[in-house]
Amino acid sequence: MKKRLNIVFTIIYVPLIIGAIQMNFDEDPFNDHIGSLFLIALMVFQGIHMLINDLLDGKRKTALFFNVLFIAVASGLLVWTVYKSLSFI
């Protein structure tokens, strides 16, 4: 179960990293905002991955406090950045 989960999250991580690198090093300055969205989405998925791994390992307190807090902060940052990016359009 854990091996399949790692494969699935790796499949999600690779396009996010490639998209972030491609958007940040593009000539269009607006694409820098999109690249930062990719990086923040990567942080959200990494937090979800850590949460699931901690729950499978039996670390309920760590999973429910630190990982949920990390996911909430990263999700809030993602929503704020999307709102800020849409104001440029």
C-alpha atoms as a PDB file:
ATOM      1  CA  MET A   1       0.000   0.000   0.000  1.00  0.00           C
ATOM      2  CA  LYS A   2       2.726   2.432   0.989  1.00  0.00           C
ATOM      3  CA  LYS A   3       4.786   1.654  -2.118  1.00  0.00           C
ATOM      4  CA  ARG A   4       1.834   2.363  -4.424  1.00  0.00           C
ATOM      5  CA  LEU A   5       1.145   5.589  -2.556  1.00  0.00           C
ATOM      6  CA  ASN A   6       4.736   6.745  -3.048  1.00  0.00           C
ATOM      7  CA  ILE A   7       4.521   5.975  -6.771  1.00  0.00           C
ATOM      8  CA  VAL A   8       1.281   7.946  -7.121  1.00  0.00           C
ATOM      9  CA  PHE A   9       2.693  10.969  -5.320  1.00  0.00           C
ATOM     10  CA  THR A  10       5.898  10.803  -7.359  1.00  0.00           C
ATOM     11  CA  ILE A  11       3.781  10.896 -10.512  1.00  0.00           C
ATOM     12  CA  ILE A  12       2.137  14.056  -9.131  1.00  0.00           C
ATOM     13  CA  TYR A  13       5.422  15.659  -7.985  1.00  0.00           C
ATOM     14  CA  VAL A  14       7.251  15.366 -11.325  1.00  0.00           C
ATOM     15  CA  PRO A  15       4.862  17.491 -13.454  1.00  0.00           C
ATOM     16  CA  LEU A  16       4.596  20.084 -10.693  1.00  0.00           C
ATOM     17  CA  ILE A  17       8.376  20.450 -10.482  1.00  0.00           C
ATOM     18  CA  ILE A  18       8.762  20.539 -14.276  1.00  0.00           C
ATOM     19  CA  GLY A  19       5.971  23.102 -14.580  1.00  0.00           C
ATOM     20  CA  ALA A  20       7.465  25.296 -11.863  1.00  0.00           C
ATOM     21  CA  ILE A  21      10.906  25.266 -13.468  1.00  0.00           C
ATOM     22  CA  GLN A  22       9.485  25.925 -16.928  1.00  0.00           C
ATOM     23  CA  MET A  23       7.284  28.813 -15.770  1.00  0.00           C
ATOM     24  CA  ASN A  24       9.897  30.484 -13.575  1.00  0.00           C
ATOM     25  CA  PHE A  25      12.573  30.542 -16.273  1.00  0.00           C
ATOM     26  CA  ASP A  26      10.282  31.725 -19.067  1.00  0.00           C
ATOM     27  CA  GLU A  27      10.558  35.195 -20.648  1.00  0.00           C
ATOM     28  CA  ASP A  28       7.011  36.237 -19.741  1.00  0.00           C
ATOM     29  CA  PRO A  29       6.961  37.866 -16.281  1.00  0.00           C
ATOM     30  CA  PHE A  30       3.358  36.768 -15.594  1.00  0.00           C
ATOM     31  CA  ASN A  31       4.450  33.140 -15.779  1.00  0.00           C
ATOM     32  CA  ASP A  32       6.464  33.672 -12.576  1.00  0.00           C
ATOM     33  CA  HIS A  33       3.150  33.846 -10.694  1.00  0.00           C
ATOM     34  CA  ILE A  34       2.025  30.600 -12.288  1.00  0.00           C
ATOM     35  CA  GLY A  35       5.370  29.005 -11.381  1.00  0.00           C
ATOM     36  CA  SER A  36       4.888  30.024  -7.773  1.00  0.00           C
ATOM     37  CA  LEU A  37       1.424  28.431  -7.878  1.00  0.00           C
ATOM     38  CA  PHE A  38       3.033  25.189  -9.017  1.00  0.00           C
ATOM     39  CA  LEU A  39       5.506  25.339  -6.117  1.00  0.00           C
ATOM     40  CA  ILE A  40       2.801  26.025  -3.547  1.00  0.00           C
ATOM     41  CA  ALA A  41       0.667  23.197  -4.976  1.00  0.00           C
ATOM     42  CA  LEU A  42       3.740  20.978  -4.606  1.00  0.00           C
ATOM     43  CA  MET A  43       3.925  21.956  -0.924  1.00  0.00           C
ATOM     44  CA  VAL A  44       0.228  21.101  -0.433  1.00  0.00           C
ATOM     45  CA  PHE A  45       0.639  17.668  -2.031  1.00  0.00           C
ATOM     46  CA  GLN A  46       3.796  17.053  -0.010  1.00  0.00           C
ATOM     47  CA  GLY A  47       1.890  17.870   3.178  1.00  0.00           C
ATOM     48  CA  ILE A  48      -0.887  15.469   2.215  1.00  0.00           C
ATOM     49  CA  HIS A  49       1.718  12.802   1.460  1.00  0.00           C
ATOM     50  CA  MET A  50       3.387  13.315   4.854  1.00  0.00           C
ATOM     51  CA  LEU A  51      -0.031  13.202   6.567  1.00  0.00           C
ATOM     52  CA  ILE A  52      -0.945   9.885   4.975  1.00  0.00           C
ATOM     53  CA  ASN A  53       2.484   8.386   5.740  1.00  0.00           C
ATOM     54  CA  ASP A  54       2.286   9.447   9.390  1.00  0.00           C
ATOM     55  CA  LEU A  55      -1.224   8.017   9.717  1.00  0.00           C
ATOM     56  CA  LEU A  56      -0.070   4.713   8.201  1.00  0.00           C
ATOM     57  CA  ASP A  57       2.917   4.621  10.590  1.00  0.00           C
ATOM     58  CA  GLY A  58       0.650   5.183  13.604  1.00  0.00           C
ATOM     59  CA  LYS A  59       1.838   8.703  14.461  1.00  0.00           C
ATOM     60  CA  ARG A  60      -1.612  10.220  14.950  1.00  0.00           C
ATOM     61  CA  LYS A  61      -0.598  13.225  17.080  1.00  0.00           C
ATOM     62  CA  THR A  62       2.116  14.343  14.686  1.00  0.00           C
ATOM     63  CA  ALA A  63      -0.149  13.805  11.711  1.00  0.00           C
ATOM     64  CA  LEU A  64      -3.078  15.674  13.158  1.00  0.00           C
ATOM     65  CA  PHE A  65      -1.131  18.630  14.519  1.00  0.00           C
ATOM     66  CA  PHE A  66       1.907  19.407  12.398  1.00  0.00           C
ATOM     67  CA  ASN A  67       0.838  18.040   9.031  1.00  0.00           C
ATOM     68  CA  VAL A  68      -2.696  19.414   9.138  1.00  0.00           C
ATOM     69  CA  LEU A  69      -1.276  22.787  10.199  1.00  0.00           C
ATOM     70  CA  PHE A  70       1.220  22.648   7.307  1.00  0.00           C
ATOM     71  CA  ILE A  71      -1.530  21.744   4.829  1.00  0.00           C
ATOM     72  CA  ALA A  72      -3.782  24.540   6.117  1.00  0.00           C
ATOM     73  CA  VAL A  73      -1.045  27.165   5.834  1.00  0.00           C
ATOM     74  CA  ALA A  74       0.024  25.995   2.369  1.00  0.00           C
ATOM     75  CA  SER A  75      -3.590  25.858   1.160  1.00  0.00           C
ATOM     76  CA  GLY A  76      -4.247  29.342   2.497  1.00  0.00           C
ATOM     77  CA  LEU A  77      -1.128  30.591   0.763  1.00  0.00           C
ATOM     78  CA  LEU A  78      -2.254  28.903  -2.462  1.00  0.00           C
ATOM     79  CA  VAL A  79      -5.697  30.524  -2.315  1.00  0.00           C
ATOM     80  CA  TRP A  80      -4.179  33.927  -1.528  1.00  0.00           C
ATOM     81  CA  THR A  81      -1.691  33.633  -4.383  1.00  0.00           C
ATOM     82  CA  VAL A  82      -4.439  32.618  -6.847  1.00  0.00           C
ATOM     83  CA  TYR A  83      -6.496  35.608  -5.744  1.00  0.00           C
ATOM     84  CA  LYS A  84      -3.461  37.875  -6.098  1.00  0.00           C
ATOM     85  CA  SER A  85      -2.639  36.436  -9.550  1.00  0.00           C
ATOM     86  CA  LEU A  86      -6.190  36.937 -10.795  1.00  0.00           C
ATOM     87  CA  SER A  87      -6.038  40.603  -9.848  1.00  0.00           C
ATOM     88  CA  PHE A  88      -3.267  41.099 -12.462  1.00  0.00           C
ATOM     89  CA  ILE A  89      -5.536  39.958 -15.289  1.00  0.00           C
END
